[in-house]
Amino acid sequence: MTTTRREQILDTAATLFAERGFHGVSVHDIGGACGISGPALYKHFAGKDDILTQSLTSISERLLAEGRARAEAAAGPDEALAALIDWHIEFALGHPALIVIQEREWTNLAADGRREVRTLQLAYIDIWVDTLRQLRGDLDATEARAAAQATFGLLNSTPHSARISEAQMRSRLSRMARAALLA
């Protein structure tokens, strides 16, 4: 898959924001890391705030779309849960910078951006809630939501975890997530 200039800017900015913090990165830093001038970024984004918003919005849209697709393609709720866990682990291991900026830079998002990202995130959580409730009739929606969000905390801890091989981490996270959700 070919990466567009816009995707390159978002990926580069996410890495820089995760390393230095939102306020520690300038438009010129982002442009320089992409091999373009800072002002050239304005062809793609309104500014640094827009880059942060688009980083978190685009990954939230991707999480939701892929989560829906995997759950809908599953033969049943157990297979759907496995597919959701695999997808979230794939995301967590592949995009640690986005996890870091989501947790650390949330307050730097404009109110509209926070609302949009939060709406997408809640829709993604709802896929997990629906799947969990099919598997666990003892859970009401509030309990299923709490279980899903606690599991996200586990899976999203990967940028801060002691690293083992990716295959080992993937296997460990999968077992731990299943155990937490189905206990």
N, C-alpha and C. Protein backbone atom coordinates (compact mmCIF):
# COMPACT_ATOMS: atom_id res chain seq x y z
N MET A 1 0.84 -1.18 0.00
CA MET A 1 0.00 0.00 0.00
C MET A 1 0.89 1.24 0.00
N THR A 2 0.60 2.17 -0.86
CA THR A 2 1.37 3.39 -0.97
C THR A 2 0.87 4.40 0.07
N THR A 3 1.81 5.00 0.76
CA THR A 3 1.48 6.01 1.76
C THR A 3 1.39 7.36 1.07
N THR A 4 0.31 8.08 1.32
CA THR A 4 0.16 9.42 0.75
C THR A 4 0.99 10.40 1.58
N ARG A 5 1.20 11.57 1.04
CA ARG A 5 1.92 12.62 1.77
C ARG A 5 1.17 12.95 3.06
N ARG A 6 -0.15 13.02 2.98
CA ARG A 6 -0.97 13.32 4.15
C ARG A 6 -0.76 12.26 5.24
N GLU A 7 -0.79 10.98 4.86
CA GLU A 7 -0.56 9.90 5.82
C GLU A 7 0.85 9.97 6.41
N GLN A 8 1.83 10.31 5.56
CA GLN A 8 3.20 10.46 6.04
C GLN A 8 3.28 11.56 7.09
N ILE A 9 2.62 12.67 6.84
CA ILE A 9 2.63 13.78 7.79
C ILE A 9 1.98 13.36 9.10
N LEU A 10 0.82 12.69 9.02
CA LEU A 10 0.13 12.24 10.24
C LEU A 10 0.99 11.26 11.03
N ASP A 11 1.59 10.29 10.35
CA ASP A 11 2.44 9.30 11.04
C ASP A 11 3.65 9.97 11.68
N THR A 12 4.29 10.86 10.93
CA THR A 12 5.47 11.56 11.44
C THR A 12 5.12 12.44 12.62
N ALA A 13 4.03 13.19 12.50
CA ALA A 13 3.61 14.06 13.59
C ALA A 13 3.26 13.25 14.84
N ALA A 14 2.58 12.12 14.66
CA ALA A 14 2.23 11.28 15.82
C ALA A 14 3.48 10.83 16.54
N THR A 15 4.48 10.41 15.80
CA THR A 15 5.74 9.98 16.41
C THR A 15 6.40 11.13 17.17
N LEU A 16 6.45 12.30 16.54
CA LEU A 16 7.06 13.47 17.20
C LEU A 16 6.26 13.90 18.42
N PHE A 17 4.93 13.92 18.33
CA PHE A 17 4.10 14.29 19.48
C PHE A 17 4.31 13.31 20.63
N ALA A 18 4.42 12.02 20.30
CA ALA A 18 4.63 11.01 21.34
C ALA A 18 6.00 11.17 21.99
N GLU A 19 7.01 11.51 21.21
CA GLU A 19 8.37 11.66 21.73
C GLU A 19 8.55 12.95 22.53
N ARG A 20 8.03 14.07 22.01
CA ARG A 20 8.33 15.38 22.59
C ARG A 20 7.14 16.11 23.19
N GLY A 21 5.96 15.58 22.99
CA GLY A 21 4.75 16.28 23.43
C GLY A 21 4.29 17.26 22.38
N PHE A 22 3.00 17.52 22.38
CA PHE A 22 2.39 18.40 21.38
C PHE A 22 3.05 19.77 21.35
N HIS A 23 3.26 20.35 22.53
CA HIS A 23 3.83 21.71 22.60
C HIS A 23 5.35 21.73 22.35
N GLY A 24 5.96 20.57 22.32
CA GLY A 24 7.40 20.49 22.05
C GLY A 24 7.73 20.30 20.59
N VAL A 25 6.70 20.32 19.74
CA VAL A 25 6.89 20.09 18.31
C VAL A 25 6.30 21.27 17.54
N SER A 26 7.05 21.76 16.57
CA SER A 26 6.55 22.85 15.73
C SER A 26 6.16 22.31 14.36
N VAL A 27 5.46 23.12 13.60
CA VAL A 27 5.12 22.78 12.22
C VAL A 27 6.40 22.58 11.42
N HIS A 28 7.40 23.37 11.72
CA HIS A 28 8.69 23.23 11.01
C HIS A 28 9.36 21.90 11.35
N ASP A 29 9.24 21.45 12.59
CA ASP A 29 9.78 20.15 12.98
C ASP A 29 9.12 19.03 12.18
N ILE A 30 7.79 19.11 12.09
CA ILE A 30 7.05 18.08 11.36
C ILE A 30 7.43 18.10 9.89
N GLY A 31 7.43 19.28 9.30
CA GLY A 31 7.81 19.41 7.89
C GLY A 31 9.21 18.88 7.64
N GLY A 32 10.15 19.29 8.51
CA GLY A 32 11.54 18.84 8.34
C GLY A 32 11.66 17.32 8.41
N ALA A 33 10.93 16.70 9.32
CA ALA A 33 10.98 15.25 9.46
C ALA A 33 10.35 14.55 8.25
N CYS A 34 9.47 15.27 7.54
CA CYS A 34 8.83 14.72 6.33
C CYS A 34 9.59 15.08 5.06
N GLY A 35 10.61 15.90 5.20
CA GLY A 35 11.38 16.32 4.03
C GLY A 35 10.72 17.43 3.23
N ILE A 36 9.86 18.20 3.89
CA ILE A 36 9.22 19.35 3.24
C ILE A 36 9.32 20.55 4.18
N SER A 37 9.02 21.71 3.66
CA SER A 37 9.05 22.88 4.53
C SER A 37 7.82 22.88 5.43
N GLY A 38 7.95 23.52 6.58
CA GLY A 38 6.82 23.63 7.49
C GLY A 38 5.59 24.22 6.83
N PRO A 39 5.75 25.35 6.10
CA PRO A 39 4.58 25.94 5.44
C PRO A 39 3.91 25.02 4.41
N ALA A 40 4.66 24.07 3.85
CA ALA A 40 4.07 23.14 2.88
C ALA A 40 3.01 22.25 3.54
N LEU A 41 3.07 22.12 4.86
CA LEU A 41 2.06 21.33 5.57
C LEU A 41 0.66 21.95 5.43
N TYR A 42 0.63 23.26 5.22
CA TYR A 42 -0.66 23.95 5.12
C TYR A 42 -1.42 23.58 3.85
N LYS A 43 -0.78 22.88 2.93
CA LYS A 43 -1.50 22.35 1.76
C LYS A 43 -2.41 21.20 2.19
N HIS A 44 -2.06 20.56 3.30
CA HIS A 44 -2.77 19.37 3.75
C HIS A 44 -3.58 19.59 5.02
N PHE A 45 -3.14 20.52 5.87
CA PHE A 45 -3.76 20.73 7.18
C PHE A 45 -3.82 22.21 7.50
N ALA A 46 -4.79 22.59 8.33
CA ALA A 46 -4.94 23.99 8.73
C ALA A 46 -3.85 24.42 9.70
N GLY A 47 -3.20 23.49 10.35
CA GLY A 47 -2.14 23.80 11.30
C GLY A 47 -1.85 22.59 12.19
N LYS A 48 -1.03 22.81 13.18
CA LYS A 48 -0.62 21.73 14.08
C LYS A 48 -1.82 21.15 14.84
N ASP A 49 -2.74 21.99 15.27
CA ASP A 49 -3.94 21.50 15.96
C ASP A 49 -4.73 20.56 15.07
N ASP A 50 -4.85 20.93 13.81
CA ASP A 50 -5.57 20.10 12.85
C ASP A 50 -4.86 18.76 12.65
N ILE A 51 -3.56 18.77 12.64
CA ILE A 51 -2.80 17.53 12.48
C ILE A 51 -3.09 16.61 13.66
N LEU A 52 -3.08 17.13 14.87
CA LEU A 52 -3.39 16.31 16.05
C LEU A 52 -4.81 15.76 15.95
N THR A 53 -5.76 16.62 15.62
CA THR A 53 -7.15 16.19 15.51
C THR A 53 -7.31 15.12 14.44
N GLN A 54 -6.71 15.35 13.28
CA GLN A 54 -6.83 14.37 12.19
C GLN A 54 -6.12 13.06 12.52
N SER A 55 -5.03 13.12 13.27
CA SER A 55 -4.34 11.89 13.68
C SER A 55 -5.29 11.01 14.50
N LEU A 56 -5.93 11.63 15.49
CA LEU A 56 -6.79 10.86 16.38
C LEU A 56 -8.13 10.52 15.74
N THR A 57 -8.63 11.39 14.89
CA THR A 57 -9.88 11.10 14.19
C THR A 57 -9.69 9.97 13.19
N SER A 58 -8.63 10.04 12.40
CA SER A 58 -8.45 9.02 11.36
C SER A 58 -8.22 7.64 11.96
N ILE A 59 -7.46 7.55 13.04
CA ILE A 59 -7.24 6.22 13.62
C ILE A 59 -8.51 5.73 14.29
N SER A 60 -9.31 6.62 14.86
CA SER A 60 -10.58 6.21 15.46
C SER A 60 -11.55 5.71 14.39
N GLU A 61 -11.56 6.36 13.23
CA GLU A 61 -12.38 5.90 12.11
C GLU A 61 -11.92 4.53 11.65
N ARG A 62 -10.62 4.34 11.59
CA ARG A 62 -10.07 3.06 11.13
C ARG A 62 -10.37 1.94 12.13
N LEU A 63 -10.21 2.24 13.43
CA LEU A 63 -10.54 1.24 14.45
C LEU A 63 -12.00 0.81 14.32
N LEU A 64 -12.89 1.78 14.18
CA LEU A 64 -14.31 1.50 14.09
C LEU A 64 -14.63 0.69 12.82
N ALA A 65 -14.16 1.13 11.68
CA ALA A 65 -14.46 0.44 10.42
C ALA A 65 -13.95 -1.00 10.43
N GLU A 66 -12.74 -1.18 10.87
CA GLU A 66 -12.15 -2.52 10.89
C GLU A 66 -12.81 -3.38 11.96
N GLY A 67 -13.12 -2.80 13.11
CA GLY A 67 -13.83 -3.55 14.15
C GLY A 67 -15.18 -4.04 13.66
N ARG A 68 -15.92 -3.16 13.00
CA ARG A 68 -17.22 -3.55 12.44
C ARG A 68 -17.06 -4.67 11.41
N ALA A 69 -16.11 -4.48 10.50
CA ALA A 69 -15.92 -5.46 9.43
C ALA A 69 -15.55 -6.83 10.01
N ARG A 70 -14.67 -6.85 10.98
CA ARG A 70 -14.26 -8.14 11.55
C ARG A 70 -15.38 -8.80 12.33
N ALA A 71 -16.11 -8.02 13.09
CA ALA A 71 -17.23 -8.59 13.87
C ALA A 71 -18.32 -9.11 12.94
N GLU A 72 -18.63 -8.36 11.88
CA GLU A 72 -19.67 -8.79 10.94
C GLU A 72 -19.26 -10.02 10.14
N ALA A 73 -17.97 -10.17 9.87
CA ALA A 73 -17.50 -11.32 9.09
C ALA A 73 -17.40 -12.60 9.92
N ALA A 74 -17.47 -12.47 11.23
CA ALA A 74 -17.32 -13.62 12.11
C ALA A 74 -18.54 -14.53 12.05
N ALA A 75 -18.31 -15.82 12.23
CA ALA A 75 -19.39 -16.81 12.19
C ALA A 75 -20.25 -16.79 13.45
N GLY A 76 -19.74 -16.22 14.51
CA GLY A 76 -20.50 -16.17 15.76
C GLY A 76 -19.79 -15.26 16.73
N PRO A 77 -20.37 -15.07 17.93
CA PRO A 77 -19.80 -14.12 18.88
C PRO A 77 -18.41 -14.50 19.39
N ASP A 78 -18.12 -15.79 19.54
CA ASP A 78 -16.79 -16.18 20.00
C ASP A 78 -15.74 -15.82 18.96
N GLU A 79 -16.06 -16.10 17.70
CA GLU A 79 -15.14 -15.74 16.62
C GLU A 79 -15.04 -14.21 16.49
N ALA A 80 -16.14 -13.51 16.71
CA ALA A 80 -16.12 -12.05 16.65
C ALA A 80 -15.22 -11.48 17.74
N LEU A 81 -15.33 -12.03 18.95
CA LEU A 81 -14.47 -11.55 20.03
C LEU A 81 -13.00 -11.78 19.70
N ALA A 82 -12.68 -12.96 19.20
CA ALA A 82 -11.29 -13.25 18.81
C ALA A 82 -10.81 -12.27 17.75
N ALA A 83 -11.67 -11.97 16.79
CA ALA A 83 -11.30 -11.04 15.71
C ALA A 83 -11.11 -9.62 16.25
N LEU A 84 -11.97 -9.21 17.18
CA LEU A 84 -11.82 -7.87 17.78
C LEU A 84 -10.53 -7.78 18.60
N ILE A 85 -10.26 -8.81 19.38
CA ILE A 85 -9.03 -8.82 20.18
C ILE A 85 -7.82 -8.77 19.25
N ASP A 86 -7.80 -9.61 18.22
CA ASP A 86 -6.67 -9.62 17.27
C ASP A 86 -6.48 -8.25 16.63
N TRP A 87 -7.59 -7.62 16.23
CA TRP A 87 -7.51 -6.31 15.58
C TRP A 87 -6.95 -5.27 16.55
N HIS A 88 -7.44 -5.25 17.77
CA HIS A 88 -6.97 -4.23 18.69
C HIS A 88 -5.49 -4.45 19.05
N ILE A 89 -5.08 -5.68 19.16
CA ILE A 89 -3.66 -5.97 19.41
C ILE A 89 -2.83 -5.51 18.21
N GLU A 90 -3.30 -5.80 17.02
CA GLU A 90 -2.59 -5.35 15.81
C GLU A 90 -2.42 -3.83 15.83
N PHE A 91 -3.50 -3.12 16.16
CA PHE A 91 -3.44 -1.67 16.27
C PHE A 91 -2.45 -1.24 17.35
N ALA A 92 -2.57 -1.81 18.53
CA ALA A 92 -1.74 -1.39 19.66
C ALA A 92 -0.25 -1.62 19.39
N LEU A 93 0.07 -2.75 18.80
CA LEU A 93 1.48 -3.03 18.51
C LEU A 93 2.00 -2.23 17.32
N GLY A 94 1.11 -1.90 16.39
CA GLY A 94 1.52 -1.19 15.19
C GLY A 94 1.51 0.32 15.29
N HIS A 95 0.80 0.87 16.29
CA HIS A 95 0.64 2.32 16.39
C HIS A 95 0.84 2.83 17.82
N PRO A 96 1.96 2.50 18.44
CA PRO A 96 2.14 2.93 19.83
C PRO A 96 2.13 4.45 20.00
N ALA A 97 2.61 5.18 19.02
CA ALA A 97 2.63 6.65 19.14
C ALA A 97 1.21 7.20 19.24
N LEU A 98 0.28 6.63 18.51
CA LEU A 98 -1.11 7.10 18.57
C LEU A 98 -1.73 6.83 19.94
N ILE A 99 -1.37 5.73 20.54
CA ILE A 99 -1.87 5.44 21.88
C ILE A 99 -1.32 6.47 22.87
N VAL A 100 -0.04 6.78 22.76
CA VAL A 100 0.58 7.75 23.66
C VAL A 100 -0.06 9.13 23.48
N ILE A 101 -0.24 9.57 22.24
CA ILE A 101 -0.81 10.92 22.08
C ILE A 101 -2.28 10.95 22.47
N GLN A 102 -2.98 9.84 22.28
CA GLN A 102 -4.38 9.79 22.71
C GLN A 102 -4.48 10.02 24.22
N GLU A 103 -3.63 9.36 24.97
CA GLU A 103 -3.72 9.49 26.43
C GLU A 103 -3.10 10.78 26.95
N ARG A 104 -2.05 11.26 26.29
CA ARG A 104 -1.32 12.40 26.82
C ARG A 104 -1.77 13.75 26.24
N GLU A 105 -2.24 13.75 25.02
CA GLU A 105 -2.54 15.02 24.35
C GLU A 105 -4.04 15.29 24.18
N TRP A 106 -4.86 14.47 24.80
CA TRP A 106 -6.32 14.62 24.69
C TRP A 106 -6.77 16.05 24.98
N THR A 107 -6.21 16.65 26.01
CA THR A 107 -6.64 18.00 26.40
C THR A 107 -6.23 19.06 25.38
N ASN A 108 -5.31 18.73 24.50
CA ASN A 108 -4.90 19.69 23.47
C ASN A 108 -5.80 19.66 22.23
N LEU A 109 -6.73 18.72 22.19
CA LEU A 109 -7.69 18.68 21.09
C LEU A 109 -8.74 19.76 21.31
N ALA A 110 -9.15 20.41 20.26
CA ALA A 110 -10.25 21.37 20.35
C ALA A 110 -11.52 20.60 20.71
N ALA A 111 -12.49 21.30 21.27
CA ALA A 111 -13.73 20.66 21.73
C ALA A 111 -14.41 19.87 20.61
N ASP A 112 -14.44 20.41 19.40
CA ASP A 112 -15.07 19.70 18.28
C ASP A 112 -14.33 18.39 17.97
N GLY A 113 -13.03 18.45 18.01
CA GLY A 113 -12.22 17.26 17.77
C GLY A 113 -12.45 16.20 18.85
N ARG A 114 -12.51 16.64 20.11
CA ARG A 114 -12.77 15.70 21.21
C ARG A 114 -14.13 15.02 21.03
N ARG A 115 -15.14 15.81 20.66
CA ARG A 115 -16.48 15.23 20.46
C ARG A 115 -16.47 14.20 19.33
N GLU A 116 -15.82 14.55 18.22
CA GLU A 116 -15.79 13.64 17.08
C GLU A 116 -15.06 12.34 17.42
N VAL A 117 -13.88 12.47 18.03
CA VAL A 117 -13.11 11.29 18.40
C VAL A 117 -13.89 10.46 19.42
N ARG A 118 -14.47 11.11 20.41
CA ARG A 118 -15.22 10.38 21.43
C ARG A 118 -16.42 9.64 20.84
N THR A 119 -17.12 10.24 19.89
CA THR A 119 -18.25 9.59 19.23
C THR A 119 -17.79 8.32 18.51
N LEU A 120 -16.68 8.43 17.78
CA LEU A 120 -16.13 7.26 17.09
C LEU A 120 -15.69 6.19 18.07
N GLN A 121 -15.05 6.59 19.15
CA GLN A 121 -14.58 5.63 20.15
C GLN A 121 -15.75 4.90 20.81
N LEU A 122 -16.81 5.63 21.12
CA LEU A 122 -17.98 5.01 21.75
C LEU A 122 -18.64 4.00 20.80
N ALA A 123 -18.67 4.31 19.52
CA ALA A 123 -19.23 3.37 18.55
C ALA A 123 -18.37 2.11 18.48
N TYR A 124 -17.05 2.27 18.56
CA TYR A 124 -16.13 1.13 18.57
C TYR A 124 -16.35 0.29 19.83
N ILE A 125 -16.47 0.92 20.95
CA ILE A 125 -16.71 0.21 22.21
C ILE A 125 -18.03 -0.56 22.12
N ASP A 126 -19.04 0.04 21.50
CA ASP A 126 -20.34 -0.62 21.38
C ASP A 126 -20.25 -1.95 20.63
N ILE A 127 -19.37 -2.07 19.67
CA ILE A 127 -19.17 -3.34 18.98
C ILE A 127 -18.71 -4.40 19.98
N TRP A 128 -17.77 -4.03 20.82
CA TRP A 128 -17.28 -4.95 21.84
C TRP A 128 -18.38 -5.28 22.84
N VAL A 129 -19.12 -4.27 23.27
CA VAL A 129 -20.21 -4.49 24.24
C VAL A 129 -21.23 -5.48 23.68
N ASP A 130 -21.65 -5.27 22.45
CA ASP A 130 -22.63 -6.17 21.82
C ASP A 130 -22.09 -7.60 21.76
N THR A 131 -20.84 -7.74 21.38
CA THR A 131 -20.23 -9.07 21.28
C THR A 131 -20.13 -9.72 22.65
N LEU A 132 -19.67 -8.97 23.63
CA LEU A 132 -19.56 -9.51 24.99
C LEU A 132 -20.90 -9.95 25.55
N ARG A 133 -21.92 -9.16 25.31
CA ARG A 133 -23.24 -9.48 25.86
C ARG A 133 -23.82 -10.73 25.20
N GLN A 134 -23.43 -11.01 23.97
CA GLN A 134 -23.85 -12.26 23.34
C GLN A 134 -23.18 -13.47 23.99
N LEU A 135 -21.95 -13.26 24.43
CA LEU A 135 -21.19 -14.35 25.06
C LEU A 135 -21.47 -14.48 26.56
N ARG A 136 -21.76 -13.36 27.17
CA ARG A 136 -21.93 -13.33 28.62
C ARG A 136 -23.28 -12.73 28.96
N GLY A 137 -24.28 -13.56 29.05
CA GLY A 137 -25.62 -13.10 29.36
C GLY A 137 -25.74 -12.47 30.74
N ASP A 138 -24.74 -12.69 31.58
CA ASP A 138 -24.76 -12.12 32.94
C ASP A 138 -24.34 -10.65 32.98
N LEU A 139 -23.84 -10.13 31.87
CA LEU A 139 -23.38 -8.74 31.84
C LEU A 139 -24.45 -7.83 31.27
N ASP A 140 -24.73 -6.74 31.99
CA ASP A 140 -25.57 -5.71 31.38
C ASP A 140 -24.64 -4.80 30.57
N ALA A 141 -25.22 -3.85 29.87
CA ALA A 141 -24.43 -3.00 28.97
C ALA A 141 -23.35 -2.22 29.72
N THR A 142 -23.67 -1.74 30.91
CA THR A 142 -22.70 -0.97 31.69
C THR A 142 -21.52 -1.84 32.11
N GLU A 143 -21.80 -3.05 32.55
CA GLU A 143 -20.72 -3.97 32.95
C GLU A 143 -19.88 -4.39 31.75
N ALA A 144 -20.53 -4.65 30.63
CA ALA A 144 -19.80 -5.04 29.42
C ALA A 144 -18.91 -3.89 28.94
N ARG A 145 -19.42 -2.65 29.03
CA ARG A 145 -18.62 -1.48 28.65
C ARG A 145 -17.40 -1.35 29.56
N ALA A 146 -17.60 -1.54 30.85
CA ALA A 146 -16.48 -1.47 31.80
C ALA A 146 -15.44 -2.54 31.49
N ALA A 147 -15.90 -3.75 31.18
CA ALA A 147 -14.96 -4.84 30.86
C ALA A 147 -14.19 -4.54 29.59
N ALA A 148 -14.89 -4.02 28.57
CA ALA A 148 -14.21 -3.69 27.31
C ALA A 148 -13.18 -2.59 27.53
N GLN A 149 -13.56 -1.55 28.26
CA GLN A 149 -12.63 -0.44 28.46
C GLN A 149 -11.44 -0.85 29.32
N ALA A 150 -11.66 -1.72 30.30
CA ALA A 150 -10.53 -2.22 31.10
C ALA A 150 -9.59 -3.04 30.22
N THR A 151 -10.15 -3.79 29.31
CA THR A 151 -9.32 -4.58 28.39
C THR A 151 -8.54 -3.68 27.45
N PHE A 152 -9.18 -2.58 27.01
CA PHE A 152 -8.44 -1.61 26.19
C PHE A 152 -7.24 -1.08 26.97
N GLY A 153 -7.44 -0.82 28.26
CA GLY A 153 -6.33 -0.36 29.09
C GLY A 153 -5.17 -1.34 29.07
N LEU A 154 -5.50 -2.62 29.18
CA LEU A 154 -4.47 -3.67 29.11
C LEU A 154 -3.78 -3.64 27.75
N LEU A 155 -4.57 -3.69 26.69
CA LEU A 155 -3.99 -3.77 25.35
C LEU A 155 -3.24 -2.49 24.97
N ASN A 156 -3.76 -1.35 25.42
CA ASN A 156 -3.12 -0.07 25.09
C ASN A 156 -1.92 0.24 25.97
N SER A 157 -1.60 -0.64 26.90
CA SER A 157 -0.41 -0.42 27.73
C SER A 157 0.87 -0.81 27.00
N THR A 158 0.75 -1.35 25.80
CA THR A 158 1.93 -1.86 25.09
C THR A 158 3.03 -0.83 24.86
N PRO A 159 2.73 0.47 24.64
CA PRO A 159 3.85 1.40 24.48
C PRO A 159 4.69 1.54 25.75
N HIS A 160 4.13 1.15 26.87
CA HIS A 160 4.81 1.30 28.16
C HIS A 160 5.31 -0.03 28.71
N SER A 161 5.05 -1.11 28.01
CA SER A 161 5.38 -2.45 28.51
C SER A 161 6.82 -2.82 28.23
N ALA A 162 7.33 -3.69 29.08
CA ALA A 162 8.64 -4.29 28.79
C ALA A 162 8.44 -5.13 27.53
N ARG A 163 9.33 -4.97 26.60
CA ARG A 163 9.13 -5.60 25.31
C ARG A 163 9.70 -7.01 25.28
N ILE A 164 8.88 -7.89 24.79
CA ILE A 164 9.30 -9.23 24.42
C ILE A 164 9.09 -9.29 22.92
N SER A 165 9.34 -10.39 22.30
CA SER A 165 9.15 -10.44 20.85
C SER A 165 7.69 -10.11 20.52
N GLU A 166 7.47 -9.59 19.34
CA GLU A 166 6.11 -9.21 18.95
C GLU A 166 5.18 -10.42 18.98
N ALA A 167 5.66 -11.56 18.52
CA ALA A 167 4.82 -12.76 18.53
C ALA A 167 4.46 -13.17 19.95
N GLN A 168 5.43 -13.10 20.86
CA GLN A 168 5.16 -13.42 22.26
C GLN A 168 4.19 -12.42 22.87
N MET A 169 4.38 -11.14 22.57
CA MET A 169 3.51 -10.11 23.11
C MET A 169 2.09 -10.28 22.59
N ARG A 170 1.98 -10.54 21.31
CA ARG A 170 0.67 -10.74 20.69
C ARG A 170 -0.06 -11.91 21.36
N SER A 171 0.63 -13.02 21.55
CA SER A 171 0.05 -14.20 22.17
C SER A 171 -0.34 -13.94 23.62
N ARG A 172 0.54 -13.30 24.36
CA ARG A 172 0.27 -12.99 25.77
C ARG A 172 -0.93 -12.06 25.90
N LEU A 173 -0.95 -11.00 25.11
CA LEU A 173 -2.06 -10.05 25.17
C LEU A 173 -3.39 -10.72 24.81
N SER A 174 -3.37 -11.57 23.80
CA SER A 174 -4.58 -12.25 23.38
C SER A 174 -5.13 -13.12 24.51
N ARG A 175 -4.26 -13.91 25.12
CA ARG A 175 -4.70 -14.77 26.23
C ARG A 175 -5.21 -13.94 27.40
N MET A 176 -4.51 -12.88 27.74
CA MET A 176 -4.91 -12.04 28.87
C MET A 176 -6.24 -11.33 28.59
N ALA A 177 -6.43 -10.83 27.38
CA ALA A 177 -7.67 -10.13 27.04
C ALA A 177 -8.86 -11.09 27.10
N ARG A 178 -8.70 -12.27 26.51
CA ARG A 178 -9.79 -13.27 26.56
C ARG A 178 -10.13 -13.64 28.00
N ALA A 179 -9.11 -13.87 28.79
CA ALA A 179 -9.34 -14.25 30.19
C ALA A 179 -10.06 -13.13 30.93
N ALA A 180 -9.65 -11.90 30.70
CA ALA A 180 -10.28 -10.77 31.39
C ALA A 180 -11.74 -10.59 30.97
N LEU A 181 -12.00 -10.75 29.69
CA LEU A 181 -13.35 -10.51 29.19
C LEU A 181 -14.33 -11.64 29.51
N LEU A 182 -13.81 -12.86 29.57
CA LEU A 182 -14.70 -14.00 29.76
C LEU A 182 -14.71 -14.54 31.19
N ALA A 183 -13.94 -13.92 32.07
CA ALA A 183 -13.89 -14.39 33.47
C ALA A 183 -15.20 -14.13 34.19
